[in-house]
Protein backbone atom coordinates (compact mmCIF):
# COMPACT_ATOMS: atom_id res chain seq x y z
CA MET A 1 25.38 0.25 -29.04
CA ASN A 2 22.72 0.79 -31.71
CA LYS A 3 22.79 4.58 -31.92
CA ASN A 4 20.14 4.42 -34.62
CA PHE A 5 17.53 3.02 -32.25
CA ARG A 6 16.35 5.54 -29.67
CA ILE A 7 14.28 4.57 -26.60
CA ILE A 8 12.54 6.96 -24.21
CA LEU A 9 11.43 5.81 -20.74
CA ILE A 10 9.05 8.22 -19.03
CA ALA A 11 7.51 8.20 -15.54
CA ASN A 12 6.41 10.68 -12.88
CA THR A 13 9.41 10.71 -10.53
CA SER A 14 13.05 9.66 -10.34
CA ASN A 15 12.13 7.46 -7.39
CA PHE A 16 10.16 5.17 -9.70
CA PHE A 17 13.23 4.53 -11.84
CA ASN A 18 15.44 4.23 -8.77
CA VAL A 19 13.22 1.57 -7.18
CA PHE A 20 12.11 -0.46 -10.21
CA MET A 21 14.19 0.24 -13.30
CA LEU A 22 17.92 0.56 -12.59
CA ASN A 23 18.93 -2.84 -13.94
CA HIS A 24 16.70 -2.42 -17.01
CA ILE A 25 18.34 0.96 -17.64
CA HIS A 26 21.85 -0.48 -17.37
CA GLN A 27 21.04 -3.31 -19.78
CA LEU A 28 19.14 -1.18 -22.32
CA SER A 29 21.87 1.48 -22.34
CA LYS A 30 24.41 -1.10 -23.55
CA LYS A 31 22.54 -1.56 -26.81
CA TYR A 32 20.33 1.47 -27.42
CA ASP A 33 20.37 5.26 -27.30
CA LEU A 34 18.42 5.75 -24.08
CA PHE A 35 16.59 8.75 -22.60
CA ILE A 36 15.06 8.95 -19.10
CA CYS A 37 12.29 11.52 -18.56
CA CYS A 38 10.80 12.32 -15.15
CA ASN A 39 10.58 14.86 -12.34
CA ASP A 40 13.81 15.38 -10.29
CA VAL A 41 15.70 13.40 -12.91
CA ASN A 42 19.12 14.64 -11.70
CA LYS A 43 18.77 12.41 -8.63
CA LEU A 44 19.59 9.52 -10.97
CA LYS A 45 22.91 10.95 -12.15
CA ASN A 46 25.18 8.80 -10.00
CA LYS A 47 23.11 5.63 -10.42
CA ILE A 48 22.94 5.15 -14.19
CA PRO A 49 25.51 4.98 -17.03
CA ASN A 50 26.90 8.25 -18.36
CA ASN A 51 25.67 7.56 -21.88
CA VAL A 52 22.01 7.76 -20.75
CA SER A 53 20.40 11.16 -21.41
CA LEU A 54 18.38 12.68 -18.55
CA ILE A 55 15.43 14.99 -19.27
CA ASN A 56 13.65 16.74 -16.42
CA ILE A 57 9.86 17.11 -16.77
CA LYS A 58 7.94 18.80 -13.95
CA PHE A 59 5.07 16.38 -13.49
CA LYS A 60 2.78 17.17 -10.56
CA ARG A 61 1.14 14.55 -8.36
CA GLY A 62 -2.61 14.34 -8.73
CA ILE A 63 -4.63 16.22 -11.34
CA SER A 64 -3.48 19.79 -11.99
CA PHE A 65 -4.99 21.07 -15.25
CA PHE A 66 -2.49 23.87 -15.89
CA HIS A 67 0.63 21.85 -15.01
CA ASP A 68 -0.65 18.79 -16.86
CA VAL A 69 -1.28 20.77 -20.06
CA VAL A 70 2.18 22.35 -19.83
CA ALA A 71 3.72 18.89 -19.30
CA PHE A 72 1.79 17.52 -22.29
CA PHE A 73 3.10 20.17 -24.69
CA PHE A 74 6.64 19.76 -23.32
CA VAL A 75 6.47 16.00 -23.92
CA LEU A 76 4.98 16.52 -27.39
CA TYR A 77 7.69 19.01 -28.39
CA PHE A 78 10.41 16.75 -27.02
CA LEU A 79 9.10 13.71 -28.92
CA ILE A 80 8.81 15.62 -32.21
CA ARG A 81 12.36 16.91 -31.78
CA LYS A 82 13.99 13.61 -30.73
CA LYS A 83 11.88 11.23 -32.85
CA PRO A 84 12.41 8.09 -30.74
CA ASN A 85 11.83 4.62 -32.17
CA LEU A 86 10.21 3.44 -28.96
CA LEU A 87 8.49 5.10 -26.00
CA VAL A 88 7.74 3.22 -22.77
CA SER A 89 5.55 5.02 -20.23
CA PHE A 90 4.78 4.21 -16.59
CA THR A 91 2.18 5.35 -14.02
CA PRO A 92 -1.40 6.38 -14.93
CA LYS A 93 -1.28 10.14 -15.50
CA VAL A 94 2.13 10.18 -17.15
CA GLY A 95 1.04 7.28 -19.33
CA PHE A 96 -2.07 9.20 -20.40
CA ILE A 97 -0.05 12.32 -21.28
CA SER A 98 2.79 10.43 -22.96
CA ILE A 99 0.77 8.00 -25.05
CA ILE A 100 -1.42 10.76 -26.48
CA ALA A 101 1.63 12.92 -27.22
CA SER A 102 3.50 9.99 -28.79
CA PHE A 103 0.48 9.14 -30.94
CA ILE A 104 0.32 12.72 -32.24
CA ALA A 105 4.09 12.71 -32.79
CA ARG A 106 3.76 9.44 -34.77
CA ILE A 107 6.19 7.48 -32.60
CA PRO A 108 6.36 4.07 -34.34
CA ASN A 109 6.40 1.94 -31.16
CA ARG A 110 4.41 2.83 -28.06
CA ILE A 111 4.33 0.71 -24.88
CA HIS A 112 2.64 1.49 -21.57
CA TRP A 113 3.35 -0.43 -18.35
CA TYR A 114 0.34 -0.82 -16.03
CA THR A 115 1.43 -0.89 -12.37
CA GLY A 116 -1.93 -0.65 -10.59
CA GLN A 117 -5.27 1.08 -11.01
CA ILE A 118 -6.20 4.14 -8.96
CA TRP A 119 -9.83 3.61 -9.96
CA ALA A 120 -10.05 0.09 -8.50
CA THR A 121 -11.48 1.30 -5.17
CA LYS A 122 -13.16 4.50 -6.42
CA LYS A 123 -16.84 5.12 -7.21
CA GLY A 124 -18.88 7.45 -9.37
CA LEU A 125 -17.55 9.85 -11.98
CA SER A 126 -13.91 9.65 -10.88
CA LYS A 127 -13.94 5.88 -11.44
CA ILE A 128 -15.48 6.31 -14.90
CA PHE A 129 -12.92 8.98 -15.84
CA PHE A 130 -9.86 7.01 -14.74
CA LYS A 131 -11.12 3.79 -16.37
CA LEU A 132 -11.64 5.64 -19.66
CA SER A 133 -8.12 7.02 -19.32
CA ASP A 134 -6.67 3.51 -18.95
CA ARG A 135 -8.74 2.28 -21.92
CA LEU A 136 -7.46 5.12 -24.11
CA ILE A 137 -3.88 4.37 -23.09
CA PHE A 138 -4.37 0.76 -24.18
CA TYR A 139 -6.06 1.74 -27.45
CA LEU A 140 -3.20 4.07 -28.45
CA SER A 141 -0.42 1.67 -27.39
CA HIS A 142 1.05 -0.97 -29.68
CA ASP A 143 1.70 -3.23 -26.68
CA VAL A 144 1.22 -2.98 -22.93
CA PHE A 145 3.05 -4.64 -20.06
CA ILE A 146 1.32 -5.46 -16.78
CA ASP A 147 3.27 -6.23 -13.62
CA GLY A 148 1.24 -9.28 -12.62
CA PHE A 149 -1.05 -12.00 -14.02
CA SER A 150 -3.86 -11.35 -11.55
CA GLN A 151 -3.81 -7.66 -12.51
CA ARG A 152 -3.95 -8.63 -16.18
CA LYS A 153 -6.92 -10.89 -15.49
CA PHE A 154 -8.63 -8.00 -13.66
CA LEU A 155 -7.98 -5.56 -16.54
CA ILE A 156 -9.31 -8.02 -19.11
CA LYS A 157 -12.42 -8.61 -17.00
CA GLU A 158 -12.94 -4.82 -16.73
CA LYS A 159 -12.50 -4.56 -20.54
CA ILE A 160 -9.48 -2.25 -20.23
CA VAL A 161 -7.05 -4.46 -22.17
CA SER A 162 -7.20 -7.48 -24.45
CA LEU A 163 -5.16 -10.64 -24.04
CA ASP A 164 -3.31 -10.35 -27.35
CA LYS A 165 -1.62 -7.04 -26.46
CA ALA A 166 -1.20 -7.47 -22.68
CA ARG A 167 2.08 -9.00 -21.52
CA VAL A 168 3.66 -9.93 -18.18
CA LEU A 169 7.43 -10.27 -17.80
CA ASN A 170 8.21 -13.77 -16.56
CA LYS A 171 6.23 -14.26 -13.30
CA GLY A 172 5.50 -10.56 -12.75
CA SER A 173 6.81 -7.26 -11.30
CA VAL A 174 8.44 -4.41 -13.25
CA GLY A 175 12.12 -4.88 -12.49
CA GLY A 176 12.32 -7.81 -10.09
CA VAL A 177 14.70 -7.86 -7.12
CA ASP A 178 18.39 -7.12 -6.72
CA VAL A 179 19.17 -10.22 -4.67
CA LYS A 180 22.72 -9.04 -3.96
CA ARG A 181 21.29 -6.01 -2.20
CA PHE A 182 18.22 -7.59 -0.61
CA LYS A 183 19.68 -10.32 1.56
CA PHE A 184 19.51 -11.14 5.25
CA SER A 185 22.21 -9.71 7.51
CA LYS A 186 22.42 -10.94 11.10
CA GLN A 187 24.77 -8.05 11.85
CA LYS A 188 22.18 -5.49 10.74
CA ARG A 189 19.47 -7.31 12.66
CA ASN A 190 21.44 -7.18 15.92
CA LYS A 191 22.59 -3.60 15.34
CA LEU A 192 19.10 -2.19 14.70
CA ARG A 193 17.51 -4.12 17.55
CA HIS A 194 20.18 -2.84 19.91
CA LEU A 195 19.85 0.72 18.57
CA TYR A 196 16.10 0.82 19.19
CA SER A 197 16.15 -1.25 22.40
CA ILE A 198 14.24 -4.17 20.89
CA ASN A 199 14.66 -7.52 22.63
CA LYS A 200 16.25 -10.14 20.41
CA ASN A 201 13.33 -12.51 21.11
CA SER A 202 10.56 -9.96 20.44
CA PHE A 203 8.43 -10.78 17.41
CA VAL A 204 8.36 -7.80 15.06
CA PHE A 205 5.75 -7.01 12.40
CA LEU A 206 6.78 -4.47 9.76
CA TYR A 207 4.89 -2.20 7.37
CA LEU A 208 7.19 -0.47 4.88
CA GLY A 209 5.92 1.93 2.22
CA ARG A 210 3.70 4.95 1.67
CA ILE A 211 1.40 5.46 4.65
CA ASN A 212 -2.17 6.26 3.64
CA ARG A 213 -5.65 4.86 4.20
CA GLU A 214 -5.72 2.81 1.01
CA LYS A 215 -2.77 0.82 2.34
CA GLY A 216 -4.97 -0.52 5.16
CA ILE A 217 -3.01 1.20 7.93
CA SER A 218 -6.02 1.78 10.20
CA GLU A 219 -7.09 -1.87 10.06
CA LEU A 220 -3.56 -3.09 10.77
CA VAL A 221 -3.18 -0.85 13.81
CA GLU A 222 -6.59 -1.77 15.21
CA ALA A 223 -5.88 -5.50 14.79
CA PHE A 224 -2.48 -5.15 16.45
CA LYS A 225 -3.96 -3.28 19.43
CA LYS A 226 -6.13 -6.32 20.13
CA ILE A 227 -3.11 -8.62 20.59
CA GLU A 228 -0.24 -6.43 21.85
CA ASN A 229 -0.95 -6.63 25.58
CA ASN A 230 -0.67 -10.40 25.76
CA HIS A 231 2.45 -10.99 23.67
CA ASP A 232 6.06 -9.85 23.28
CA VAL A 233 5.44 -8.13 19.95
CA LEU A 234 6.11 -4.86 18.14
CA LEU A 235 4.64 -3.24 15.04
CA ILE A 236 7.00 -0.99 13.09
CA PHE A 237 6.02 1.48 10.37
CA VAL A 238 8.64 2.82 7.96
CA GLY A 239 7.64 5.33 5.29
CA GLU A 240 6.33 8.76 4.46
CA ILE A 241 2.97 9.65 6.04
CA GLU A 242 0.68 10.88 3.25
CA ASP A 243 -2.55 11.02 5.30
CA LYS A 244 -1.83 13.32 8.24
CA CYS A 245 -4.90 12.00 10.07
CA LEU A 246 -2.94 8.77 10.62
CA VAL A 247 -0.18 10.47 12.62
CA ASN A 248 -1.88 10.10 16.02
CA LEU A 249 -2.82 6.51 15.22
CA LEU A 250 0.86 5.62 14.83
CA MET A 251 2.12 7.63 17.79
CA GLU A 252 -0.25 6.71 20.60
CA GLU A 253 0.77 3.09 21.22
CA LYS A 254 3.95 2.07 23.10
CA LYS A 255 4.41 -1.06 21.02
CA ILE A 256 4.06 0.77 17.71
CA LEU A 257 7.21 2.46 16.40
CA TYR A 258 7.28 4.89 13.47
CA PHE A 259 10.27 5.81 11.30
CA ASN A 260 10.36 8.08 8.25
CA PHE A 261 11.17 7.16 4.65
CA THR A 262 14.27 4.96 4.25
CA THR A 263 16.70 4.45 1.38
CA LYS A 264 17.77 1.12 2.90
CA PRO A 265 14.67 -1.08 3.22
CA GLU A 266 16.88 -4.17 3.22
CA ASP A 267 18.16 -3.21 6.69
CA TRP A 268 14.62 -3.23 8.09
CA PHE A 269 13.81 -6.55 6.46
CA SER A 270 16.80 -8.08 8.25
CA MET A 271 15.59 -6.72 11.58
CA VAL A 272 11.97 -7.94 11.53
CA ASP A 273 10.16 -11.28 11.42
CA ILE A 274 7.31 -10.67 8.98
CA LEU A 275 6.12 -7.98 6.56
CA CYS A 276 2.54 -6.68 6.61
CA LEU A 277 0.80 -5.27 3.54
CA PRO A 278 -2.93 -4.87 4.22
CA SER A 279 -3.62 -2.80 1.07
CA HIS A 280 -7.07 -2.18 -0.35
CA ARG A 281 -5.56 -2.13 -3.87
CA GLU A 282 -2.13 -3.02 -5.22
CA GLY A 283 -0.68 -3.53 -8.68
CA PHE A 284 1.90 -6.10 -7.62
CA GLY A 285 3.51 -5.38 -4.25
CA ASN A 286 7.22 -5.30 -5.00
CA VAL A 287 7.97 -4.80 -1.31
CA VAL A 288 6.71 -8.36 -0.72
CA ILE A 289 9.33 -9.94 -2.99
CA GLU A 290 12.06 -7.61 -1.69
CA ALA A 291 11.31 -8.79 1.85
CA ALA A 292 11.14 -12.37 0.57
CA SER A 293 14.64 -12.01 -0.88
CA CYS A 294 15.79 -11.33 2.70
CA GLY A 295 14.03 -14.47 3.93
CA VAL A 296 11.03 -12.57 5.34
CA PRO A 297 7.52 -13.87 4.57
CA ALA A 298 4.48 -11.58 4.40
CA LEU A 299 0.97 -11.13 5.75
CA CYS A 300 -1.10 -9.53 2.97
CA SER A 301 -4.67 -8.72 2.05
CA LYS A 302 -6.07 -11.15 -0.51
CA ILE A 303 -6.47 -8.85 -3.50
CA TYR A 304 -5.45 -8.99 -7.14
CA GLY A 305 -1.84 -7.94 -7.51
CA LEU A 306 -0.66 -9.35 -4.22
CA GLN A 307 -1.75 -12.81 -5.34
CA ASP A 308 1.23 -12.77 -7.71
CA ALA A 309 3.74 -11.65 -5.08
CA LEU A 310 2.77 -14.20 -2.41
CA ILE A 311 1.73 -17.86 -2.32
CA ASP A 312 -0.67 -18.49 0.56
CA ASN A 313 0.60 -20.93 3.19
CA LYS A 314 3.91 -21.28 1.38
CA THR A 315 5.64 -17.88 1.23
CA GLY A 316 3.27 -16.08 3.60
CA PHE A 317 -0.33 -15.59 4.65
CA PHE A 318 -3.40 -13.87 3.22
CA HIS A 319 -6.14 -12.15 5.21
CA LYS A 320 -9.50 -10.78 4.10
CA VAL A 321 -9.22 -7.24 2.78
CA LYS A 322 -10.26 -4.53 5.31
CA SER A 323 -11.03 -7.19 7.95
CA ILE A 324 -9.63 -6.20 11.37
CA ASN A 325 -10.81 -9.48 12.84
CA ASP A 326 -9.09 -11.63 10.20
CA ILE A 327 -5.84 -9.64 10.48
CA LYS A 328 -5.93 -10.16 14.25
CA LYS A 329 -6.64 -13.88 13.78
CA LYS A 330 -3.71 -14.31 11.37
CA MET A 331 -1.37 -12.27 13.60
CA LEU A 332 -2.13 -14.54 16.56
CA TYR A 333 -1.56 -17.64 14.41
CA ILE A 334 1.76 -16.23 13.20
CA ILE A 335 2.98 -15.47 16.75
CA LYS A 336 2.13 -19.00 17.85
CA ASN A 337 3.83 -20.61 14.85
CA LYS A 338 7.23 -18.93 14.65
CA LYS A 339 8.96 -22.00 13.18
CA LEU A 340 6.41 -22.07 10.37
CA VAL A 341 7.07 -18.38 9.70
CA LYS A 342 10.79 -19.08 9.31
CA LYS A 343 10.00 -22.00 6.99
CA TYR A 344 7.85 -19.73 4.81
CA GLY A 345 10.69 -17.21 4.77
CA VAL A 346 13.03 -19.84 3.31
CA SER A 347 10.45 -20.76 0.66
CA ALA A 348 9.89 -17.07 -0.16
CA LYS A 349 13.60 -16.52 -0.77
CA LYS A 350 13.84 -19.59 -3.03
CA ARG A 351 10.90 -18.33 -5.08
CA VAL A 352 12.52 -14.92 -5.56
CA LEU A 353 15.76 -16.50 -6.79
CA LYS A 354 13.78 -18.66 -9.23
CA ASP A 355 11.18 -16.19 -10.53
CA PHE A 356 12.01 -12.57 -9.67
CA GLU A 357 15.79 -12.06 -9.85
CA GLN A 358 16.27 -8.75 -11.69
CA SER A 359 18.66 -9.96 -14.40
CA LEU A 360 16.09 -12.57 -15.44
CA LEU A 361 13.45 -9.90 -16.04
CA SER A 362 15.88 -7.63 -17.89
CA LYS A 363 16.75 -10.48 -20.26
CA LYS A 364 13.03 -11.01 -20.94
CA LEU A 365 12.53 -7.30 -21.65
CA LEU A 366 15.52 -7.13 -24.02
CA LYS A 367 14.35 -10.27 -25.79
CA PHE A 368 10.91 -8.75 -26.32
CA ILE A 369 12.33 -5.51 -27.74
CA ASN A 370 14.81 -7.34 -29.96
CA SER A 371 12.27 -9.78 -31.38
CA ASN A 372 9.06 -7.71 -31.51
CA ILE A 373 9.83 -4.02 -31.99
CA GLU A 374 11.55 -4.58 -35.34
CA ILE A 375 8.36 -6.16 -36.65
CA ASN A 376 6.38 -3.00 -35.90
CA GLU A 377 8.93 -0.44 -37.05
CA ASN A 378 7.53 -0.09 -40.56
CA GLN A 379 3.92 -0.70 -39.60
CA ASN A 380 1.50 2.05 -40.59
CA LEU A 381 -0.15 3.84 -37.68
């Protein structure tokens, strides 16, 4: 291990690292002195190598002036004290805090990883503020990574980033997919269907992730309600409900089942027939390639970000964003073409193995650090 080269990875929560970064962490820790900074960092203790240092920072979700200022000065003090060679930040607010602090602390290599834009569907002053924040992050970074080519194209068009400093790992995503974990299990399929009294021939649609309005939950439910009475179908939601006004929407239909947050999404992918992701905005849609690794195709809104995770009429289907009628139309087509759905599932899995296997992305990241960071080490800021 190169003890003389210190890397700090910083994000808002431990869940981010748990979902996207574990393989990167394992690979980086073999060669570099690695620090992980986030909220609830101790939740990572049993999942990462012992030689990785864990630093807890109490980041708050959303904008909280007092807590954000306190977090900024904590990060600044920590960076001055540790003097890392490289800082990599993730998520919008943490990136904003970290990149400014690392610029002041004169960190020689600064990278931010764009994973979606909260301003993409906003209007007015809030949109202007968050866009300016993303522009400043780019300006103060030596390089930026983006988790998809369509997102990079969008950011260039919006004049947030420039092509020369904006990079995508391989075909996209942050950490790819652990294909040994995300694989189809007939045993799990039969067990879960029996547990929840679901007929083995019932066609099951699944939404898995955070449940809020920007994920297109209302449109998905309304489209499903238009087809449920005439077909042997179910719609399952798995995830934490962030918008409480959606609770009744998920509870009032007999053919809609809701389950809370899961630590084993791969079990649900084995149990269902197709994944639904009707988001209004999305940076990449890692859940799409995780489902694909289990042989499950997806029905997604046609927006930037998701266009990297899915190939239309090959690994799944696109529908018009926010269109209840088009979601309904595609759902009916899917139900009537079950063999085609299975064929797309096979193609989706092959694509994951070729383009998104996690070790492939970790090799690309290590290659970038090994070949590019040394060039910038003695560069004047």
